[in-house]
Amino acid sequence: MTSAQTASPRVGGAPAQPAAAPLGGPIIAGICLLSREAIFANAEVGKVATARLLELTKAAQAEIDNERTPLETEARTLETQRASLSADQLRQRSEAMANRWQALQQKAAHNGREIEATRAKALDRIATEAQPVIAQVYAGKNCGLLLDRGAALGGNYANDLTAGVVEGLNARIRTISFERERLPAQPATNGQGQRSQ
């Protein structure tokens, strides 16, 4: 063989890296792992909550879209009438439209805060339902330390409690119902706080 044949293949001038070996290792007694995100994603109640949050998000967006469409139409009309309006008329109508756009942006932000509050409350309720299941599975595996699976870079995942918790949570609760949280409206700022920057 020539030296060119025995050399490592190069990609972009750098030697190719060998495929990384999976990080495994021995089971460490008493150390267990759990993924809350996987519990919420895989438990039936989490799937139901996700679907409901999607419905509420779409409804909140539809509220904004229903108000935005006429504003967009009005803005196009104002643009076509620009030449036929006096400077004072144009200024007044432009200011009125800007105020309506700002109010719509504030409503969209408010709707977003309500959806986020709804999501947090639903996840909190699921977490409350999951806690006794987590404790039961934790005790059943003789765990002495529970770590977030997302924080582990590798290792032996034999003591991962997630699947057992999902199974136990499915036996405990499969559905959840909730409505959109309603938050008090925040006062309009009229953009003055933003201009001082």
Protein backbone atom coordinates (compact mmCIF):
# COMPACT_ATOMS: atom_id res chain seq x y z
CA MET A 1 0.00 0.00 0.00
CA THR A 2 1.13 3.51 -0.66
CA SER A 3 1.18 6.15 1.99
CA ALA A 4 -1.73 7.87 0.25
CA GLN A 5 -3.85 4.75 0.66
CA THR A 6 -3.15 4.41 4.40
CA ALA A 7 -3.76 8.04 5.25
CA SER A 8 -7.04 9.01 6.88
CA PRO A 9 -9.65 10.31 4.48
CA ARG A 10 -9.98 14.07 4.68
CA VAL A 11 -13.06 16.25 4.67
CA GLY A 12 -12.39 19.90 3.99
CA GLY A 13 -8.69 19.42 4.74
CA ALA A 14 -9.22 17.92 8.23
CA PRO A 15 -8.83 14.22 9.07
CA ALA A 16 -12.19 12.40 9.19
CA GLN A 17 -13.36 11.61 12.69
CA PRO A 18 -14.29 8.01 13.51
CA ALA A 19 -17.93 7.41 14.44
CA ALA A 20 -18.45 8.11 18.13
CA ALA A 21 -18.97 5.03 20.22
CA PRO A 22 -22.18 5.07 22.26
CA LEU A 23 -21.67 6.07 25.86
CA GLY A 24 -22.85 3.21 27.99
CA GLY A 25 -21.35 1.77 31.10
CA PRO A 26 -22.47 -0.04 34.20
CA ILE A 27 -25.75 0.60 35.94
CA ILE A 28 -25.10 2.87 38.90
CA ALA A 29 -27.28 1.69 41.74
CA GLY A 30 -29.51 4.32 43.27
CA ILE A 31 -29.08 6.90 40.49
CA CYS A 32 -32.18 7.23 38.33
CA LEU A 33 -33.18 9.43 35.41
CA LEU A 34 -36.46 11.04 34.39
CA SER A 35 -37.58 13.21 31.49
CA ARG A 36 -40.55 15.43 32.37
CA GLU A 37 -40.72 16.58 28.75
CA ALA A 38 -41.07 12.96 27.57
CA ILE A 39 -43.76 12.34 30.20
CA PHE A 40 -45.79 15.31 28.94
CA ALA A 41 -45.21 14.29 25.30
CA ASN A 42 -46.03 10.59 25.68
CA ALA A 43 -48.65 10.29 28.43
CA GLU A 44 -52.24 10.33 27.17
CA VAL A 45 -53.11 13.31 29.35
CA GLY A 46 -50.16 15.23 27.88
CA LYS A 47 -51.32 14.49 24.34
CA VAL A 48 -54.85 15.64 25.20
CA ALA A 49 -53.47 18.84 26.79
CA THR A 50 -51.29 19.53 23.75
CA ALA A 51 -54.25 19.12 21.39
CA ARG A 52 -56.41 21.42 23.54
CA LEU A 53 -53.67 24.06 23.71
CA LEU A 54 -53.42 23.94 19.93
CA GLU A 55 -57.18 24.53 19.64
CA LEU A 56 -57.01 27.48 22.05
CA THR A 57 -53.99 28.93 20.25
CA LYS A 58 -55.76 28.73 16.89
CA ALA A 59 -58.85 30.42 18.36
CA ALA A 60 -56.72 33.21 19.85
CA GLN A 61 -54.98 33.70 16.50
CA ALA A 62 -58.33 33.76 14.69
CA GLU A 63 -59.43 36.65 16.94
CA ILE A 64 -56.40 38.63 15.81
CA ASP A 65 -56.77 37.64 12.15
CA ASN A 66 -60.42 38.73 12.15
CA GLU A 67 -59.40 42.22 13.28
CA ARG A 68 -56.23 42.44 11.17
CA THR A 69 -57.90 41.75 7.82
CA PRO A 70 -60.14 44.86 7.87
CA LEU A 71 -57.18 46.97 9.03
CA GLU A 72 -55.08 45.76 6.13
CA THR A 73 -57.93 46.57 3.74
CA GLU A 74 -58.28 50.03 5.27
CA ALA A 75 -54.53 50.62 4.98
CA ARG A 76 -54.60 49.75 1.26
CA THR A 77 -57.60 52.05 0.76
CA LEU A 78 -55.82 54.89 2.55
CA GLU A 79 -52.76 54.38 0.36
CA THR A 80 -54.87 54.63 -2.81
CA GLN A 81 -56.60 57.78 -1.50
CA ARG A 82 -53.36 59.45 -0.38
CA ALA A 83 -53.21 61.85 -3.33
CA SER A 84 -56.83 63.01 -2.90
CA LEU A 85 -56.54 63.79 0.84
CA SER A 86 -55.29 66.97 2.42
CA ALA A 87 -52.17 66.71 4.58
CA ASP A 88 -54.32 67.15 7.71
CA GLN A 89 -56.81 64.45 6.65
CA LEU A 90 -53.99 62.07 5.78
CA ARG A 91 -52.27 62.71 9.12
CA GLN A 92 -55.49 62.19 11.11
CA ARG A 93 -56.41 58.98 9.32
CA SER A 94 -52.84 57.68 9.50
CA GLU A 95 -52.66 58.37 13.24
CA ALA A 96 -56.03 56.69 13.83
CA MET A 97 -54.88 53.66 11.86
CA ALA A 98 -51.56 53.53 13.72
CA ASN A 99 -53.45 53.57 17.02
CA ARG A 100 -55.66 50.70 15.88
CA TRP A 101 -52.60 48.70 14.75
CA GLN A 102 -50.96 49.30 18.10
CA ALA A 103 -54.11 48.18 19.94
CA LEU A 104 -54.19 45.03 17.81
CA GLN A 105 -50.52 44.31 18.56
CA GLN A 106 -51.21 44.74 22.27
CA LYS A 107 -54.19 42.39 22.01
CA ALA A 108 -52.05 39.80 20.20
CA ALA A 109 -49.41 40.03 22.94
CA HIS A 110 -52.12 39.76 25.60
CA ASN A 111 -53.58 36.68 23.88
CA GLY A 112 -50.09 35.17 23.82
CA ARG A 113 -49.69 35.75 27.56
CA GLU A 114 -53.07 34.11 28.18
CA ILE A 115 -52.13 31.06 26.11
CA GLU A 116 -48.81 30.78 27.96
CA ALA A 117 -50.61 31.05 31.33
CA THR A 118 -53.02 28.35 30.18
CA ARG A 119 -50.14 26.10 29.11
CA ALA A 120 -48.33 26.60 32.42
CA LYS A 121 -51.47 25.83 34.42
CA ALA A 122 -52.20 22.66 32.41
CA LEU A 123 -48.61 21.43 32.76
CA ASP A 124 -48.69 22.19 36.48
CA ARG A 125 -51.86 20.13 36.84
CA ILE A 126 -50.28 17.22 34.95
CA ALA A 127 -47.13 17.51 37.06
CA THR A 128 -49.26 17.37 40.22
CA GLU A 129 -50.95 14.20 38.94
CA ALA A 130 -47.57 12.71 37.97
CA GLN A 131 -45.80 13.41 41.27
CA PRO A 132 -47.23 10.44 43.24
CA VAL A 133 -46.56 8.18 40.25
CA ILE A 134 -42.96 9.43 40.09
CA ALA A 135 -42.57 8.77 43.83
CA GLN A 136 -43.97 5.24 43.44
CA VAL A 137 -41.73 4.33 40.48
CA TYR A 138 -38.74 5.98 42.20
CA ALA A 139 -39.26 3.87 45.33
CA GLY A 140 -39.82 0.73 43.24
CA LYS A 141 -36.42 1.14 41.57
CA ASN A 142 -34.68 1.84 44.93
CA CYS A 143 -33.47 5.21 43.71
CA GLY A 144 -31.46 7.45 45.97
CA LEU A 145 -30.97 10.27 43.48
CA LEU A 146 -33.18 11.42 40.60
CA LEU A 147 -31.63 13.40 37.76
CA ASP A 148 -33.16 15.11 34.74
CA ARG A 149 -32.45 12.84 31.78
CA GLY A 150 -31.88 15.88 29.59
CA ALA A 151 -28.84 16.80 31.70
CA ALA A 152 -27.13 13.43 31.05
CA LEU A 153 -24.70 13.41 28.14
CA GLY A 154 -24.55 9.64 28.06
CA GLY A 155 -24.40 6.53 30.17
CA ASN A 156 -26.50 3.50 30.97
CA TYR A 157 -30.16 4.44 30.90
CA ALA A 158 -31.42 1.25 32.54
CA ASN A 159 -32.59 3.31 35.53
CA ASP A 160 -34.64 5.70 33.41
CA LEU A 161 -38.02 5.98 35.13
CA THR A 162 -39.78 7.83 32.31
CA ALA A 163 -41.56 4.89 30.64
CA GLY A 164 -42.78 3.57 34.00
CA VAL A 165 -44.08 6.99 34.98
CA VAL A 166 -45.88 7.37 31.63
CA GLU A 167 -47.50 3.96 32.14
CA GLY A 168 -48.51 4.81 35.71
CA LEU A 169 -49.81 8.24 34.72
CA ASN A 170 -51.89 6.68 31.93
CA ALA A 171 -53.44 4.39 34.53
CA ARG A 172 -54.16 7.37 36.80
CA ILE A 173 -55.46 9.99 34.34
CA ARG A 174 -55.98 10.00 30.59
CA THR A 175 -57.71 13.28 29.88
CA ILE A 176 -57.81 16.85 31.05
CA SER A 177 -60.12 19.72 30.22
CA PHE A 178 -59.45 23.41 30.54
CA GLU A 179 -60.32 26.74 29.04
CA ARG A 180 -58.11 29.66 28.15
CA GLU A 181 -56.90 31.59 31.17
CA ARG A 182 -58.12 35.16 31.20
CA LEU A 183 -55.68 37.77 32.41
CA PRO A 184 -56.49 41.39 33.22
CA ALA A 185 -55.82 43.74 30.34
CA GLN A 186 -52.69 45.83 30.66
CA PRO A 187 -53.04 49.58 30.12
CA ALA A 188 -52.08 50.91 26.71
CA THR A 189 -48.71 52.68 26.53
CA ASN A 190 -49.35 54.55 23.24
CA GLY A 191 -45.72 53.78 22.32
CA GLN A 192 -44.32 56.54 24.56
CA GLY A 193 -42.20 54.15 26.60
CA GLN A 194 -40.54 52.89 23.42
CA ARG A 195 -39.62 56.32 22.07
CA SER A 196 -37.43 57.23 25.03
CA GLN A 197 -34.76 54.66 24.03
